[in-house]
Amino acid sequence: MSLSVQYTDLQAKHVFCWLVAIECGFALAFVVIHILLPGLSWGPLGPLFDLDREVSLPTWFSVIQLCAVSALLFIAAKNNRQTEYLSNSAVIIAGMIFLWLSADEGAQLHERIEYMARYFGQDWILYGGRWGAFIAVYLVLGLLGMALGAKHLIALWRHFKSVANIGLLGAAVYIIGAAGFEIMSFPLRDSNATLTLKLITVVFEEFLEMLGITIILYATLILADRLSMTRDAQSVK
């Protein structure tokens, strides 16, 4: 069975630009509705464009993006004509990781980690005894994954350096949003005096998460295209 997606580098760039434009729209809507003009009656638009809610358009958008990265990686593995440079197993495992992140984003699975930490009395990994347990857990898992997959990461860097650079940038932006601004928001929670500052950190946190995923998606589009080509065809392109 043949499964492929045909596109040019220019079309991939257009996809990237449109996705960033949508993310800017989400961020702008949140700023207007929840920071600049919160006193107006926005009706259903308030929760619909709330970056900090589980059930909202921005959350749905992030879930779809992460799922798209996963699907593209699975397709890339199916069409991989350069297994001597990047193995199918590595690409498939990467796809499974992004599928998990998509499920996590949609079902807020990382919040269950905080519940488990409190349940088992491991408050030392919680900020204020309440938040952030997932950061330590995901940091350990991330470092372990990098150690186990070091050979494949080196191969990606060696043979697909431009893709690796873009993917690394996307990962850095995503982590700064998901962890960096998340940590910055902890001292601002549960305080009316710092509500505006807390909402501003939410804007940066969620926007950088979405932007990071978009950059990774763009890198994945390029990688999937390169893997489907022979080495000679890639050098010509």
C-alpha atoms as a PDB file:
ATOM      1  CA  MET A   1       0.000   0.000   0.000  1.00  0.00           C
ATOM      2  CA  SER A   2       1.362   3.407  -0.991  1.00  0.00           C
ATOM      3  CA  LEU A   3       0.894   6.363   1.338  1.00  0.00           C
ATOM      4  CA  SER A   4       2.484   9.717   0.579  1.00  0.00           C
ATOM      5  CA  VAL A   5       1.899  13.461   0.751  1.00  0.00           C
ATOM      6  CA  GLN A   6       3.171  15.584  -2.122  1.00  0.00           C
ATOM      7  CA  TYR A   7       4.287  19.189  -1.552  1.00  0.00           C
ATOM      8  CA  THR A   8       7.121  21.565  -2.366  1.00  0.00           C
ATOM      9  CA  ASP A   9       9.428  23.417   0.029  1.00  0.00           C
ATOM     10  CA  LEU A  10       7.583  26.630  -0.819  1.00  0.00           C
ATOM     11  CA  GLN A  11       4.238  25.054   0.091  1.00  0.00           C
ATOM     12  CA  ALA A  12       5.724  23.870   3.393  1.00  0.00           C
ATOM     13  CA  LYS A  13       6.785  27.454   4.121  1.00  0.00           C
ATOM     14  CA  HIS A  14       3.273  28.674   3.298  1.00  0.00           C
ATOM     15  CA  VAL A  15       1.836  26.151   5.766  1.00  0.00           C
ATOM     16  CA  PHE A  16       4.256  27.416   8.410  1.00  0.00           C
ATOM     17  CA  CYS A  17       3.306  31.054   7.813  1.00  0.00           C
ATOM     18  CA  TRP A  18      -0.440  30.345   7.942  1.00  0.00           C
ATOM     19  CA  LEU A  19      -0.108  28.395  11.177  1.00  0.00           C
ATOM     20  CA  VAL A  20       1.901  31.194  12.816  1.00  0.00           C
ATOM     21  CA  ALA A  21      -0.742  33.700  11.668  1.00  0.00           C
ATOM     22  CA  ILE A  22      -3.461  31.599  13.326  1.00  0.00           C
ATOM     23  CA  GLU A  23      -1.445  31.456  16.543  1.00  0.00           C
ATOM     24  CA  CYS A  24      -0.992  35.219  16.526  1.00  0.00           C
ATOM     25  CA  GLY A  25      -4.759  35.516  16.110  1.00  0.00           C
ATOM     26  CA  PHE A  26      -5.365  33.285  19.139  1.00  0.00           C
ATOM     27  CA  ALA A  27      -2.912  35.303  21.249  1.00  0.00           C
ATOM     28  CA  LEU A  28      -4.414  38.628  20.139  1.00  0.00           C
ATOM     29  CA  ALA A  29      -7.964  37.415  20.877  1.00  0.00           C
ATOM     30  CA  PHE A  30      -6.905  36.343  24.392  1.00  0.00           C
ATOM     31  CA  VAL A  31      -5.203  39.688  25.075  1.00  0.00           C
ATOM     32  CA  VAL A  32      -8.240  41.690  23.941  1.00  0.00           C
ATOM     33  CA  ILE A  33     -10.878  39.540  25.671  1.00  0.00           C
ATOM     34  CA  HIS A  34      -9.123  38.660  28.932  1.00  0.00           C
ATOM     35  CA  ILE A  35      -6.572  41.453  29.512  1.00  0.00           C
ATOM     36  CA  LEU A  36      -7.572  44.677  27.725  1.00  0.00           C
ATOM     37  CA  LEU A  37     -11.377  44.470  27.784  1.00  0.00           C
ATOM     38  CA  PRO A  38     -12.378  41.830  30.362  1.00  0.00           C
ATOM     39  CA  GLY A  39     -15.387  43.856  31.491  1.00  0.00           C
ATOM     40  CA  LEU A  40     -17.239  43.494  28.194  1.00  0.00           C
ATOM     41  CA  SER A  41     -19.796  40.752  27.700  1.00  0.00           C
ATOM     42  CA  TRP A  42     -18.005  38.408  25.314  1.00  0.00           C
ATOM     43  CA  GLY A  43     -20.412  35.511  25.783  1.00  0.00           C
ATOM     44  CA  PRO A  44     -19.057  32.184  24.495  1.00  0.00           C
ATOM     45  CA  LEU A  45     -16.024  33.901  22.924  1.00  0.00           C
ATOM     46  CA  GLY A  46     -14.353  34.211  26.341  1.00  0.00           C
ATOM     47  CA  PRO A  47     -13.872  30.503  27.076  1.00  0.00           C
ATOM     48  CA  LEU A  48     -13.521  29.684  23.374  1.00  0.00           C
ATOM     49  CA  PHE A  49     -10.341  31.787  23.060  1.00  0.00           C
ATOM     50  CA  ASP A  50      -9.036  31.232  26.584  1.00  0.00           C
ATOM     51  CA  LEU A  51      -5.427  30.064  26.203  1.00  0.00           C
ATOM     52  CA  ASP A  52      -5.450  28.661  29.739  1.00  0.00           C
ATOM     53  CA  ARG A  53      -8.478  26.391  29.367  1.00  0.00           C
ATOM     54  CA  GLU A  54      -8.528  22.720  28.401  1.00  0.00           C
ATOM     55  CA  VAL A  55     -11.629  23.114  26.230  1.00  0.00           C
ATOM     56  CA  SER A  56     -10.756  25.931  23.834  1.00  0.00           C
ATOM     57  CA  LEU A  57      -9.751  26.511  20.233  1.00  0.00           C
ATOM     58  CA  PRO A  58      -6.048  27.089  21.037  1.00  0.00           C
ATOM     59  CA  THR A  59      -5.868  23.771  22.928  1.00  0.00           C
ATOM     60  CA  TRP A  60      -7.634  21.966  20.072  1.00  0.00           C
ATOM     61  CA  PHE A  61      -5.222  23.625  17.634  1.00  0.00           C
ATOM     62  CA  SER A  62      -2.164  22.400  19.576  1.00  0.00           C
ATOM     63  CA  VAL A  63      -3.592  18.868  19.775  1.00  0.00           C
ATOM     64  CA  ILE A  64      -4.092  18.797  15.998  1.00  0.00           C
ATOM     65  CA  GLN A  65      -0.596  20.147  15.337  1.00  0.00           C
ATOM     66  CA  LEU A  66       1.086  17.556  17.562  1.00  0.00           C
ATOM     67  CA  CYS A  67      -1.004  14.812  15.968  1.00  0.00           C
ATOM     68  CA  ALA A  68       0.005  16.100  12.515  1.00  0.00           C
ATOM     69  CA  VAL A  69       3.692  15.870  13.462  1.00  0.00           C
ATOM     70  CA  SER A  70       3.117  12.289  14.599  1.00  0.00           C
ATOM     71  CA  ALA A  71       1.233  11.365  11.404  1.00  0.00           C
ATOM     72  CA  LEU A  72       3.937  12.915   9.205  1.00  0.00           C
ATOM     73  CA  LEU A  73       6.635  10.938  10.999  1.00  0.00           C
ATOM     74  CA  PHE A  74       4.728   7.683  10.486  1.00  0.00           C
ATOM     75  CA  ILE A  75       4.329   8.525   6.781  1.00  0.00           C
ATOM     76  CA  ALA A  76       8.041   9.423   6.619  1.00  0.00           C
ATOM     77  CA  ALA A  77       8.917   6.000   8.032  1.00  0.00           C
ATOM     78  CA  LYS A  78       6.649   4.329   5.464  1.00  0.00           C
ATOM     79  CA  ASN A  79       8.363   6.166   2.593  1.00  0.00           C
ATOM     80  CA  ASN A  80      11.906   6.190   4.010  1.00  0.00           C
ATOM     81  CA  ARG A  81      14.402   5.530   1.215  1.00  0.00           C
ATOM     82  CA  GLN A  82      17.414   6.469   3.326  1.00  0.00           C
ATOM     83  CA  THR A  83      17.323   3.956   6.154  1.00  0.00           C
ATOM     84  CA  GLU A  84      21.112   3.789   6.103  1.00  0.00           C
ATOM     85  CA  TYR A  85      21.126   7.393   7.386  1.00  0.00           C
ATOM     86  CA  LEU A  86      18.046   7.414   9.643  1.00  0.00           C
ATOM     87  CA  SER A  87      16.364   4.189  10.698  1.00  0.00           C
ATOM     88  CA  ASN A  88      12.624   3.621  10.498  1.00  0.00           C
ATOM     89  CA  SER A  89      12.535   2.574  14.154  1.00  0.00           C
ATOM     90  CA  ALA A  90      13.857   5.982  15.231  1.00  0.00           C
ATOM     91  CA  VAL A  91      11.305   7.825  13.095  1.00  0.00           C
ATOM     92  CA  ILE A  92       8.437   5.655  14.367  1.00  0.00           C
ATOM     93  CA  ILE A  93       9.449   6.122  18.013  1.00  0.00           C
ATOM     94  CA  ALA A  94       9.574   9.879  17.445  1.00  0.00           C
ATOM     95  CA  GLY A  95       6.076   9.664  15.970  1.00  0.00           C
ATOM     96  CA  MET A  96       4.837   7.794  19.047  1.00  0.00           C
ATOM     97  CA  ILE A  97       6.343  10.460  21.325  1.00  0.00           C
ATOM     98  CA  PHE A  98       4.460  13.217  19.532  1.00  0.00           C
ATOM     99  CA  LEU A  99       1.290  11.133  19.593  1.00  0.00           C
ATOM    100  CA  TRP A 100       1.685  10.932  23.383  1.00  0.00           C
ATOM    101  CA  LEU A 101       2.262  14.706  23.578  1.00  0.00           C
ATOM    102  CA  SER A 102      -0.903  15.218  21.531  1.00  0.00           C
ATOM    103  CA  ALA A 103      -2.884  13.042  23.951  1.00  0.00           C
ATOM    104  CA  ASP A 104      -1.270  14.847  26.889  1.00  0.00           C
ATOM    105  CA  GLU A 105      -2.246  18.247  25.492  1.00  0.00           C
ATOM    106  CA  GLY A 106      -5.833  17.194  24.867  1.00  0.00           C
ATOM    107  CA  ALA A 107      -6.443  15.192  28.041  1.00  0.00           C
ATOM    108  CA  GLN A 108      -4.101  17.180  30.330  1.00  0.00           C
ATOM    109  CA  LEU A 109      -2.335  13.962  31.381  1.00  0.00           C
ATOM    110  CA  HIS A 110       0.540  15.869  32.979  1.00  0.00           C
ATOM    111  CA  GLU A 111      -1.886  17.205  35.582  1.00  0.00           C
ATOM    112  CA  ARG A 112      -2.396  13.591  36.726  1.00  0.00           C
ATOM    113  CA  ILE A 113       1.312  13.557  37.587  1.00  0.00           C
ATOM    114  CA  GLU A 114       0.712  16.400  40.049  1.00  0.00           C
ATOM    115  CA  TYR A 115      -2.186  14.465  41.575  1.00  0.00           C
ATOM    116  CA  MET A 116      -0.016  11.351  41.932  1.00  0.00           C
ATOM    117  CA  ALA A 117       2.815  13.360  43.504  1.00  0.00           C
ATOM    118  CA  ARG A 118       0.434  14.726  46.139  1.00  0.00           C
ATOM    119  CA  TYR A 119      -1.196  11.311  46.648  1.00  0.00           C
ATOM    120  CA  PHE A 120       2.147   9.609  47.321  1.00  0.00           C
ATOM    121  CA  GLY A 121       3.431  12.489  49.440  1.00  0.00           C
ATOM    122  CA  GLN A 122       6.167  13.596  47.023  1.00  0.00           C
ATOM    123  CA  ASP A 123       5.623  17.303  47.631  1.00  0.00           C
ATOM    124  CA  TRP A 124       9.310  18.070  47.057  1.00  0.00           C
ATOM    125  CA  ILE A 125       8.752  18.127  43.283  1.00  0.00           C
ATOM    126  CA  LEU A 126       5.730  20.450  43.600  1.00  0.00           C
ATOM    127  CA  TYR A 127       5.977  24.230  43.718  1.00  0.00           C
ATOM    128  CA  GLY A 128       4.110  25.380  46.819  1.00  0.00           C
ATOM    129  CA  GLY A 129       2.978  21.799  47.290  1.00  0.00           C
ATOM    130  CA  ARG A 130       0.589  22.152  44.343  1.00  0.00           C
ATOM    131  CA  TRP A 131       2.087  22.633  40.876  1.00  0.00           C
ATOM    132  CA  GLY A 132       4.782  21.654  38.420  1.00  0.00           C
ATOM    133  CA  ALA A 133       5.475  17.984  39.178  1.00  0.00           C
ATOM    134  CA  PHE A 134       5.291  17.158  35.473  1.00  0.00           C
ATOM    135  CA  ILE A 135       8.277  19.432  34.737  1.00  0.00           C
ATOM    136  CA  ALA A 136      10.679  17.324  36.805  1.00  0.00           C
ATOM    137  CA  VAL A 137       9.210  14.045  35.511  1.00  0.00           C
ATOM    138  CA  TYR A 138       9.289  15.106  31.862  1.00  0.00           C
ATOM    139  CA  LEU A 139      12.819  16.513  32.291  1.00  0.00           C
ATOM    140  CA  VAL A 140      14.065  13.147  33.524  1.00  0.00           C
ATOM    141  CA  LEU A 141      12.216  11.287  30.756  1.00  0.00           C
ATOM    142  CA  GLY A 142      13.530  13.729  28.153  1.00  0.00           C
ATOM    143  CA  LEU A 143      17.142  13.345  29.252  1.00  0.00           C
ATOM    144  CA  LEU A 144      16.736   9.561  29.359  1.00  0.00           C
ATOM    145  CA  GLY A 145      15.230   9.567  25.873  1.00  0.00           C
ATOM    146  CA  MET A 146      18.086  11.711  24.539  1.00  0.00           C
ATOM    147  CA  ALA A 147      20.638   9.346  26.075  1.00  0.00           C
ATOM    148  CA  LEU A 148      18.955   6.257  24.606  1.00  0.00           C
ATOM    149  CA  GLY A 149      18.443   7.878  21.219  1.00  0.00           C
ATOM    150  CA  ALA A 150      21.810   9.646  21.036  1.00  0.00           C
ATOM    151  CA  LYS A 151      22.939   7.546  18.064  1.00  0.00           C
ATOM    152  CA  HIS A 152      19.870   8.493  16.036  1.00  0.00           C
ATOM    153  CA  LEU A 153      20.045  12.159  17.048  1.00  0.00           C
ATOM    154  CA  ILE A 154      23.680  12.280  15.918  1.00  0.00           C
ATOM    155  CA  ALA A 155      22.697  10.627  12.616  1.00  0.00           C
ATOM    156  CA  LEU A 156      19.931  13.209  12.130  1.00  0.00           C
ATOM    157  CA  TRP A 157      22.393  16.026  12.811  1.00  0.00           C
ATOM    158  CA  ARG A 158      25.034  14.541  10.505  1.00  0.00           C
ATOM    159  CA  HIS A 159      22.866  13.753   7.488  1.00  0.00           C
ATOM    160  CA  PHE A 160      19.956  16.208   7.831  1.00  0.00           C
ATOM    161  CA  LYS A 161      21.597  19.146   9.585  1.00  0.00           C
ATOM    162  CA  SER A 162      19.172  21.846   8.412  1.00  0.00           C
ATOM    163  CA  VAL A 163      16.219  19.785   9.645  1.00  0.00           C
ATOM    164  CA  ALA A 164      17.983  19.154  12.963  1.00  0.00           C
ATOM    165  CA  ASN A 165      18.665  22.878  13.409  1.00  0.00           C
ATOM    166  CA  ILE A 166      15.033  23.825  12.754  1.00  0.00           C
ATOM    167  CA  GLY A 167      13.760  21.025  14.982  1.00  0.00           C
ATOM    168  CA  LEU A 168      16.132  22.049  17.773  1.00  0.00           C
ATOM    169  CA  LEU A 169      14.916  25.639  17.538  1.00  0.00           C
ATOM    170  CA  GLY A 170      11.310  24.456  17.729  1.00  0.00           C
ATOM    171  CA  ALA A 171      12.035  22.248  20.730  1.00  0.00           C
ATOM    172  CA  ALA A 172      13.782  25.132  22.522  1.00  0.00           C
ATOM    173  CA  VAL A 173      10.861  27.508  21.901  1.00  0.00           C
ATOM    174  CA  TYR A 174       8.376  24.849  23.038  1.00  0.00           C
ATOM    175  CA  ILE A 175      10.317  24.104  26.252  1.00  0.00           C
ATOM    176  CA  ILE A 176      10.711  27.807  27.078  1.00  0.00           C
ATOM    177  CA  GLY A 177       6.947  28.162  26.824  1.00  0.00           C
ATOM    178  CA  ALA A 178       5.871  24.893  28.433  1.00  0.00           C
ATOM    179  CA  ALA A 179       8.393  24.937  31.286  1.00  0.00           C
ATOM    180  CA  GLY A 180      10.001  28.378  31.501  1.00  0.00           C
ATOM    181  CA  PHE A 181       6.894  30.561  31.546  1.00  0.00           C
ATOM    182  CA  GLU A 182       4.960  27.866  33.409  1.00  0.00           C
ATOM    183  CA  ILE A 183       7.474  28.154  36.256  1.00  0.00           C
ATOM    184  CA  MET A 184       7.320  31.952  36.098  1.00  0.00           C
ATOM    185  CA  SER A 185       3.534  31.800  36.552  1.00  0.00           C
ATOM    186  CA  PHE A 186       3.625  29.772  39.796  1.00  0.00           C
ATOM    187  CA  PRO A 187       4.250  32.715  42.180  1.00  0.00           C
ATOM    188  CA  LEU A 188       1.497  34.709  40.428  1.00  0.00           C
ATOM    189  CA  ARG A 189      -1.285  32.189  40.903  1.00  0.00           C
ATOM    190  CA  ASP A 190      -4.134  32.611  43.397  1.00  0.00           C
ATOM    191  CA  SER A 191      -3.500  36.341  43.761  1.00  0.00           C
ATOM    192  CA  ASN A 192      -5.831  39.036  42.427  1.00  0.00           C
ATOM    193  CA  ALA A 193      -3.022  41.587  42.721  1.00  0.00           C
ATOM    194  CA  THR A 194      -0.943  39.748  40.135  1.00  0.00           C
ATOM    195  CA  LEU A 195      -3.789  38.586  37.896  1.00  0.00           C
ATOM    196  CA  THR A 196      -2.722  40.723  34.926  1.00  0.00           C
ATOM    197  CA  LEU A 197       0.886  39.536  35.188  1.00  0.00           C
ATOM    198  CA  LYS A 198      -0.328  35.957  35.406  1.00  0.00           C
ATOM    199  CA  LEU A 199      -2.426  36.400  32.247  1.00  0.00           C
ATOM    200  CA  ILE A 200       0.571  37.914  30.441  1.00  0.00           C
ATOM    201  CA  THR A 201       2.688  34.873  31.329  1.00  0.00           C
ATOM    202  CA  VAL A 202      -0.144  32.688  29.999  1.00  0.00           C
ATOM    203  CA  VAL A 203       0.034  34.526  26.659  1.00  0.00           C
ATOM    204  CA  PHE A 204       3.788  33.926  26.332  1.00  0.00           C
ATOM    205  CA  GLU A 205       3.559  30.361  27.647  1.00  0.00           C
ATOM    206  CA  GLU A 206       0.830  29.173  25.297  1.00  0.00           C
ATOM    207  CA  PHE A 207       1.963  31.185  22.269  1.00  0.00           C
ATOM    208  CA  LEU A 208       5.530  29.865  22.529  1.00  0.00           C
ATOM    209  CA  GLU A 209       4.203  26.318  22.927  1.00  0.00           C
ATOM    210  CA  MET A 210       2.124  26.660  19.748  1.00  0.00           C
ATOM    211  CA  LEU A 211       4.974  28.366  17.881  1.00  0.00           C
ATOM    212  CA  GLY A 212       7.445  25.686  18.959  1.00  0.00           C
ATOM    213  CA  ILE A 213       5.134  22.945  17.694  1.00  0.00           C
ATOM    214  CA  THR A 214       4.709  24.790  14.391  1.00  0.00           C
ATOM    215  CA  ILE A 215       8.481  25.052  13.910  1.00  0.00           C
ATOM    216  CA  ILE A 216       8.803  21.322  14.660  1.00  0.00           C
ATOM    217  CA  LEU A 217       5.984  20.594  12.211  1.00  0.00           C
ATOM    218  CA  TYR A 218       7.813  22.568   9.530  1.00  0.00           C
ATOM    219  CA  ALA A 219      11.011  20.611  10.229  1.00  0.00           C
ATOM    220  CA  THR A 220       9.028  17.372  10.025  1.00  0.00           C
ATOM    221  CA  LEU A 221       7.591  18.361   6.634  1.00  0.00           C
ATOM    222  CA  ILE A 222      11.108  18.906   5.310  1.00  0.00           C
ATOM    223  CA  LEU A 223      12.399  15.663   6.846  1.00  0.00           C
ATOM    224  CA  ALA A 224       9.521  13.596   5.436  1.00  0.00           C
ATOM    225  CA  ASP A 225      10.205  15.020   1.984  1.00  0.00           C
ATOM    226  CA  ARG A 226      13.958  14.379   2.206  1.00  0.00           C
ATOM    227  CA  LEU A 227      13.544  10.805   3.449  1.00  0.00           C
ATOM    228  CA  SER A 228      11.237   9.975   0.533  1.00  0.00           C
ATOM    229  CA  MET A 229      13.965  10.906  -1.960  1.00  0.00           C
ATOM    230  CA  THR A 230      17.102   9.048  -2.947  1.00  0.00           C
ATOM    231  CA  ARG A 231      20.376  10.584  -1.799  1.00  0.00           C
ATOM    232  CA  ASP A 232      21.266  11.600  -5.378  1.00  0.00           C
ATOM    233  CA  ALA A 233      17.890  13.298  -5.886  1.00  0.00           C
ATOM    234  CA  GLN A 234      18.264  15.122  -2.586  1.00  0.00           C
ATOM    235  CA  SER A 235      21.697  16.450  -3.515  1.00  0.00           C
ATOM    236  CA  VAL A 236      20.267  17.758  -6.797  1.00  0.00           C
ATOM    237  CA  LYS A 237      17.393  19.447  -4.958  1.00  0.00           C
END
